[in-house]
N, C-alpha and C. Protein backbone atom coordinates (compact mmCIF):
# COMPACT_ATOMS: atom_id res chain seq x y z
N UNK A 1 0.97 -1.21 -0.17
CA UNK A 1 -0.02 -0.03 -0.13
C UNK A 1 0.83 1.26 0.06
N UNK A 2 0.55 2.08 -0.90
CA UNK A 2 1.25 3.60 -0.77
C UNK A 2 0.38 4.51 -0.04
N UNK A 3 1.09 5.52 0.48
CA UNK A 3 0.44 6.57 1.33
C UNK A 3 0.85 7.86 0.59
N UNK A 4 -0.06 8.85 0.87
CA UNK A 4 0.08 10.28 0.34
C UNK A 4 0.03 11.28 1.34
N UNK A 5 0.73 12.40 1.24
CA UNK A 5 0.66 13.48 2.27
C UNK A 5 -0.72 13.62 2.63
N UNK A 6 -0.89 13.91 3.94
CA UNK A 6 -2.22 14.10 4.56
C UNK A 6 -3.01 12.86 4.87
N UNK A 7 -2.39 11.47 4.57
CA UNK A 7 -3.06 10.67 5.12
C UNK A 7 -3.00 10.40 6.70
N UNK A 8 -4.05 10.04 7.21
CA UNK A 8 -3.84 9.65 8.66
C UNK A 8 -4.02 8.18 8.91
N UNK A 9 -2.61 7.64 9.71
CA UNK A 9 -2.48 6.48 10.13
C UNK A 9 -2.28 6.40 11.43
N UNK A 10 -2.70 5.23 11.80
CA UNK A 10 -2.13 4.78 13.19
C UNK A 10 -0.92 4.04 13.16
N UNK A 11 0.27 4.32 13.97
CA UNK A 11 1.38 3.90 13.85
C UNK A 11 2.11 3.91 15.22
N UNK A 12 2.99 2.85 15.33
CA UNK A 12 3.99 3.01 16.65
C UNK A 12 4.77 4.00 16.64
N UNK A 13 4.50 5.07 17.38
CA UNK A 13 5.27 6.44 17.11
C UNK A 13 6.26 6.39 18.41
N UNK A 14 7.45 6.67 18.22
CA UNK A 14 8.51 6.66 19.27
C UNK A 14 8.44 7.84 20.38
N UNK A 15 8.86 7.43 21.50
CA UNK A 15 9.05 8.69 22.39
C UNK A 15 10.44 9.34 22.00
N UNK A 16 10.61 10.53 22.64
CA UNK A 16 11.83 11.30 22.12
C UNK A 16 13.10 10.38 22.38
N UNK A 17 13.08 9.71 23.81
CA UNK A 17 14.17 8.91 23.92
C UNK A 17 14.53 7.73 23.16
N UNK A 18 13.50 7.37 22.18
CA UNK A 18 13.57 6.29 21.39
C UNK A 18 13.43 4.86 22.07
N UNK A 19 13.12 4.78 23.28
CA UNK A 19 13.19 3.54 24.09
C UNK A 19 12.03 2.83 24.07
N UNK A 20 10.80 3.69 23.89
CA UNK A 20 9.59 3.01 23.93
C UNK A 20 8.69 3.64 22.69
N UNK A 21 7.56 3.02 22.41
CA UNK A 21 6.61 3.62 21.38
C UNK A 21 5.37 3.68 21.94
N UNK A 22 4.46 4.31 21.35
CA UNK A 22 3.09 4.17 21.63
C UNK A 22 2.32 4.35 20.41
N UNK A 23 1.30 3.61 20.33
CA UNK A 23 0.26 3.72 18.90
C UNK A 23 -0.51 4.94 18.93
N UNK A 24 -0.41 5.50 18.03
CA UNK A 24 -1.05 6.93 17.86
C UNK A 24 -1.33 7.29 16.50
N UNK A 25 -2.19 8.28 16.34
CA UNK A 25 -2.39 8.90 14.86
C UNK A 25 -1.12 9.62 14.49
N UNK A 26 -0.93 9.61 13.32
CA UNK A 26 0.25 10.33 12.58
C UNK A 26 -0.25 11.00 11.03
N UNK A 27 0.28 11.91 10.88
CA UNK A 27 -0.15 12.27 9.41
C UNK A 27 1.06 11.92 8.55
N UNK A 28 0.97 11.34 7.40
CA UNK A 28 1.97 11.03 6.39
C UNK A 28 2.39 12.40 5.89
N UNK A 29 3.81 12.28 5.79
CA UNK A 29 4.49 13.63 5.13
C UNK A 29 5.00 13.08 3.86
N UNK A 30 5.69 11.96 3.87
CA UNK A 30 6.43 11.27 2.65
C UNK A 30 6.42 9.78 2.64
N UNK A 31 6.04 9.29 1.69
CA UNK A 31 6.11 7.79 1.70
C UNK A 31 7.24 7.66 0.63
N UNK A 32 8.48 7.17 1.15
CA UNK A 32 9.68 7.07 0.35
C UNK A 32 9.60 5.81 -0.71
N UNK A 33 8.55 5.04 -0.61
CA UNK A 33 8.48 4.13 -1.50
C UNK A 33 9.13 2.75 -1.23
N UNK A 34 9.93 2.86 -0.13
CA UNK A 34 10.62 1.65 0.40
C UNK A 34 10.01 1.29 1.79
N UNK A 35 10.88 0.91 2.77
CA UNK A 35 10.33 0.54 4.00
C UNK A 35 10.15 1.64 4.85
N UNK A 36 10.68 2.86 4.38
CA UNK A 36 10.52 3.93 5.41
C UNK A 36 9.39 4.84 5.10
N UNK A 37 8.80 5.38 6.05
CA UNK A 37 7.63 6.36 5.86
C UNK A 37 7.99 7.49 6.68
N UNK A 38 7.82 8.89 6.39
CA UNK A 38 7.93 9.99 7.24
C UNK A 38 6.64 10.51 7.70
N UNK A 39 6.30 10.65 8.98
CA UNK A 39 5.18 11.00 9.31
C UNK A 39 5.45 12.33 10.49
N UNK A 40 4.41 13.07 10.53
CA UNK A 40 3.87 14.09 11.78
C UNK A 40 3.12 13.58 12.69
N UNK A 41 3.53 13.88 13.97
CA UNK A 41 2.54 13.48 15.23
C UNK A 41 1.34 14.17 15.17
N UNK A 42 0.34 13.48 15.68
CA UNK A 42 -1.10 13.88 15.72
C UNK A 42 -1.37 13.84 17.20
N UNK A 43 -1.68 14.93 17.91
CA UNK A 43 -1.87 15.11 19.37
C UNK A 43 -3.36 15.76 19.58
N UNK A 44 -3.87 15.53 20.72
CA UNK A 44 -5.03 16.39 21.19
C UNK A 44 -4.59 17.49 21.93
N UNK A 45 -3.38 17.62 22.30
CA UNK A 45 -3.01 18.75 23.18
C UNK A 45 -2.43 19.89 22.45
N UNK A 46 -3.51 20.94 22.48
CA UNK A 46 -3.17 22.12 21.73
C UNK A 46 -2.00 23.08 22.41
N UNK A 47 -1.16 23.51 21.58
CA UNK A 47 0.04 24.35 21.94
C UNK A 47 0.04 25.89 21.42
N UNK A 48 -0.82 26.05 20.57
CA UNK A 48 -0.98 27.41 19.88
C UNK A 48 0.33 27.83 19.23
N UNK A 49 0.86 26.80 18.60
CA UNK A 49 2.25 27.06 18.04
C UNK A 49 1.96 27.22 16.37
N UNK A 50 3.07 28.08 15.92
CA UNK A 50 2.84 28.20 14.65
C UNK A 50 3.05 26.97 13.56
N UNK A 51 3.71 26.07 14.51
CA UNK A 51 3.96 24.96 13.56
C UNK A 51 2.85 23.56 13.70
N UNK A 52 1.69 24.09 14.02
CA UNK A 52 0.52 23.22 14.58
C UNK A 52 -0.42 23.45 13.69
N UNK A 53 -1.28 22.33 13.04
CA UNK A 53 -2.32 22.41 12.04
C UNK A 53 -3.42 21.65 12.83
N UNK A 54 -4.63 22.47 13.02
CA UNK A 54 -5.71 21.96 13.59
C UNK A 54 -6.41 21.39 12.46
N UNK A 55 -6.89 20.04 12.92
CA UNK A 55 -7.59 19.22 12.00
C UNK A 55 -9.31 19.42 12.00
N UNK A 56 -9.72 19.90 11.20
CA UNK A 56 -11.18 20.10 11.00
C UNK A 56 -11.74 18.96 10.69
N UNK A 57 -13.15 18.75 11.03
CA UNK A 57 -13.93 17.41 10.69
C UNK A 57 -13.28 16.47 11.33
N UNK A 58 -12.55 16.47 12.53
CA UNK A 58 -11.90 15.28 13.27
C UNK A 58 -12.75 14.21 13.45
N UNK A 59 -13.82 14.33 13.87
CA UNK A 59 -14.79 13.32 14.17
C UNK A 59 -14.78 12.29 12.80
N UNK A 60 -14.90 12.99 11.62
CA UNK A 60 -14.97 12.15 10.42
C UNK A 60 -13.84 11.49 9.83
N UNK A 61 -12.56 11.99 10.60
CA UNK A 61 -11.27 11.38 10.34
C UNK A 61 -10.90 10.12 11.16
N UNK A 62 -11.84 9.63 11.93
CA UNK A 62 -11.67 8.64 12.65
C UNK A 62 -11.02 8.90 14.20
N UNK A 63 -10.95 10.11 14.50
CA UNK A 63 -10.23 10.63 15.62
C UNK A 63 -11.07 10.84 16.77
N UNK A 64 -10.61 10.50 17.97
CA UNK A 64 -11.38 10.43 19.18
C UNK A 64 -11.68 11.80 20.00
N UNK A 65 -10.91 12.62 19.60
CA UNK A 65 -11.11 14.10 19.97
C UNK A 65 -10.47 15.31 18.97
N UNK A 66 -10.89 16.50 19.48
CA UNK A 66 -10.13 17.68 18.47
C UNK A 66 -8.57 17.34 18.42
N UNK A 67 -7.99 17.43 17.36
CA UNK A 67 -6.62 17.02 17.24
C UNK A 67 -5.99 18.06 16.41
N UNK A 68 -4.49 17.93 16.46
CA UNK A 68 -3.82 19.05 15.78
C UNK A 68 -2.45 18.04 15.44
N UNK A 69 -2.05 18.55 14.02
CA UNK A 69 -0.75 18.01 13.55
C UNK A 69 0.32 18.71 13.96
N UNK A 70 1.39 18.13 14.76
CA UNK A 70 2.41 18.84 15.04
C UNK A 70 3.65 18.81 13.91
N UNK A 71 3.57 19.64 12.87
CA UNK A 71 4.42 19.71 11.87
C UNK A 71 5.85 19.67 12.45
N UNK A 72 6.26 20.12 13.60
CA UNK A 72 7.74 20.13 14.23
C UNK A 72 8.06 18.83 14.63
N UNK A 73 7.17 17.86 14.85
CA UNK A 73 7.40 16.57 15.26
C UNK A 73 7.30 15.66 14.38
N UNK A 74 8.52 15.48 13.45
CA UNK A 74 8.44 14.66 12.41
C UNK A 74 9.53 13.38 12.56
N UNK A 75 9.12 12.16 12.09
CA UNK A 75 9.92 11.07 12.35
C UNK A 75 9.98 10.20 11.14
N UNK A 76 11.11 9.55 10.79
CA UNK A 76 11.24 8.70 9.90
C UNK A 76 10.83 7.26 10.38
N UNK A 77 9.89 6.50 10.20
CA UNK A 77 9.49 5.27 10.74
C UNK A 77 9.39 4.04 9.72
N UNK A 78 9.55 3.01 10.31
CA UNK A 78 9.41 1.73 9.43
C UNK A 78 7.83 1.51 9.10
N UNK A 79 7.59 1.49 7.67
CA UNK A 79 6.04 1.42 7.33
C UNK A 79 5.27 0.06 7.93
N UNK A 80 6.25 -0.95 8.41
CA UNK A 80 5.62 -2.11 8.87
C UNK A 80 4.95 -1.75 10.28
N UNK A 81 5.36 -0.58 10.91
CA UNK A 81 4.77 -0.19 12.04
C UNK A 81 3.50 0.46 11.99
N UNK A 82 2.96 0.76 10.78
CA UNK A 82 1.66 1.31 10.45
C UNK A 82 0.59 0.12 10.72
N UNK A 83 -0.43 0.34 11.69
CA UNK A 83 -1.36 -0.65 12.01
C UNK A 83 -2.55 -0.47 10.90
N UNK A 84 -2.82 0.74 10.61
CA UNK A 84 -3.89 1.11 9.43
C UNK A 84 -3.95 2.41 9.11
N UNK A 85 -4.46 2.75 8.01
CA UNK A 85 -4.83 3.90 7.68
C UNK A 85 -6.25 4.18 8.00
N UNK A 86 -6.71 5.26 8.62
CA UNK A 86 -7.86 5.71 9.15
C UNK A 86 -8.60 6.73 8.32
N UNK A 87 -7.90 7.55 7.59
CA UNK A 87 -8.36 8.69 6.80
C UNK A 87 -7.52 9.49 6.21
N UNK A 88 -7.86 10.48 5.47
CA UNK A 88 -6.95 11.77 5.00
C UNK A 88 -7.71 12.86 5.35
N UNK A 89 -6.76 13.99 5.61
CA UNK A 89 -7.02 15.25 5.97
C UNK A 89 -8.07 15.99 4.65
N UNK A 90 -8.70 16.78 5.18
CA UNK A 90 -9.47 17.58 4.12
C UNK A 90 -8.35 18.64 3.24
N UNK A 91 -8.76 19.00 2.28
CA UNK A 91 -7.94 19.80 1.32
C UNK A 91 -7.41 21.11 1.86
N UNK A 92 -8.12 21.83 2.73
CA UNK A 92 -7.69 22.88 3.54
C UNK A 92 -6.69 22.60 4.53
N UNK A 93 -6.86 21.45 5.18
CA UNK A 93 -6.03 21.12 6.19
C UNK A 93 -4.60 20.64 5.48
N UNK A 94 -4.57 19.89 4.53
CA UNK A 94 -3.46 19.51 3.80
C UNK A 94 -2.58 20.84 3.24
N UNK A 95 -3.32 21.75 2.80
CA UNK A 95 -2.69 23.11 2.20
C UNK A 95 -2.02 23.70 3.49
N UNK A 96 -2.72 23.98 4.44
CA UNK A 96 -2.00 24.61 5.88
C UNK A 96 -1.02 23.75 6.13
N UNK A 97 -1.00 22.45 6.27
CA UNK A 97 0.14 21.50 6.47
C UNK A 97 1.49 21.76 5.64
N UNK A 98 1.06 21.85 4.41
CA UNK A 98 2.18 22.24 3.48
C UNK A 98 2.78 23.63 3.58
N UNK A 99 1.95 24.55 3.79
CA UNK A 99 2.54 26.02 4.19
C UNK A 99 3.52 26.04 5.36
N UNK A 100 2.84 25.15 6.57
CA UNK A 100 3.68 25.15 7.73
C UNK A 100 4.96 24.41 7.61
N UNK A 101 4.78 23.37 6.75
CA UNK A 101 6.11 22.72 6.55
C UNK A 101 7.36 23.48 5.74
N UNK A 102 6.64 24.18 4.82
CA UNK A 102 7.61 25.09 3.90
C UNK A 102 8.08 26.26 4.74
N UNK A 103 7.36 26.87 5.75
CA UNK A 103 7.76 27.70 6.51
C UNK A 103 9.12 27.22 7.47
N UNK A 104 8.89 25.95 8.13
CA UNK A 104 9.82 25.36 9.01
C UNK A 104 10.92 24.92 8.12
N UNK A 105 10.81 24.63 6.93
CA UNK A 105 12.01 24.32 6.12
C UNK A 105 12.69 25.55 5.27
N UNK A 106 12.21 26.71 5.46
CA UNK A 106 12.75 27.95 4.99
C UNK A 106 12.52 28.03 3.43
N UNK A 107 11.42 27.26 3.12
CA UNK A 107 11.22 27.30 1.63
C UNK A 107 10.11 28.30 1.28
N UNK A 108 10.31 29.19 0.18
CA UNK A 108 9.49 30.10 -0.05
C UNK A 108 8.49 29.81 -1.21
């Protein structure tokens, strides 16, 4: 299965110390086409950061509560750690995520 920017998956996401993982939603940033997949963490904890993307229609996306994509929390993970794809973000949320990522990377 291939994934696209904005797909929402359930994946074993590592803690910062890389010692443990937790199953959580994440947004696909890049499907490299091999065993790796690059994702951004999805959380229900709002931080009011410029690097955060609010997910609209979160109930229709299979999420349990209002959620946010933390574009500054990106990880390259093994695609076999994906439990399942649950949805894709709406077009407006995808565009906002792209704009935040461009800003983070200094792309104009």
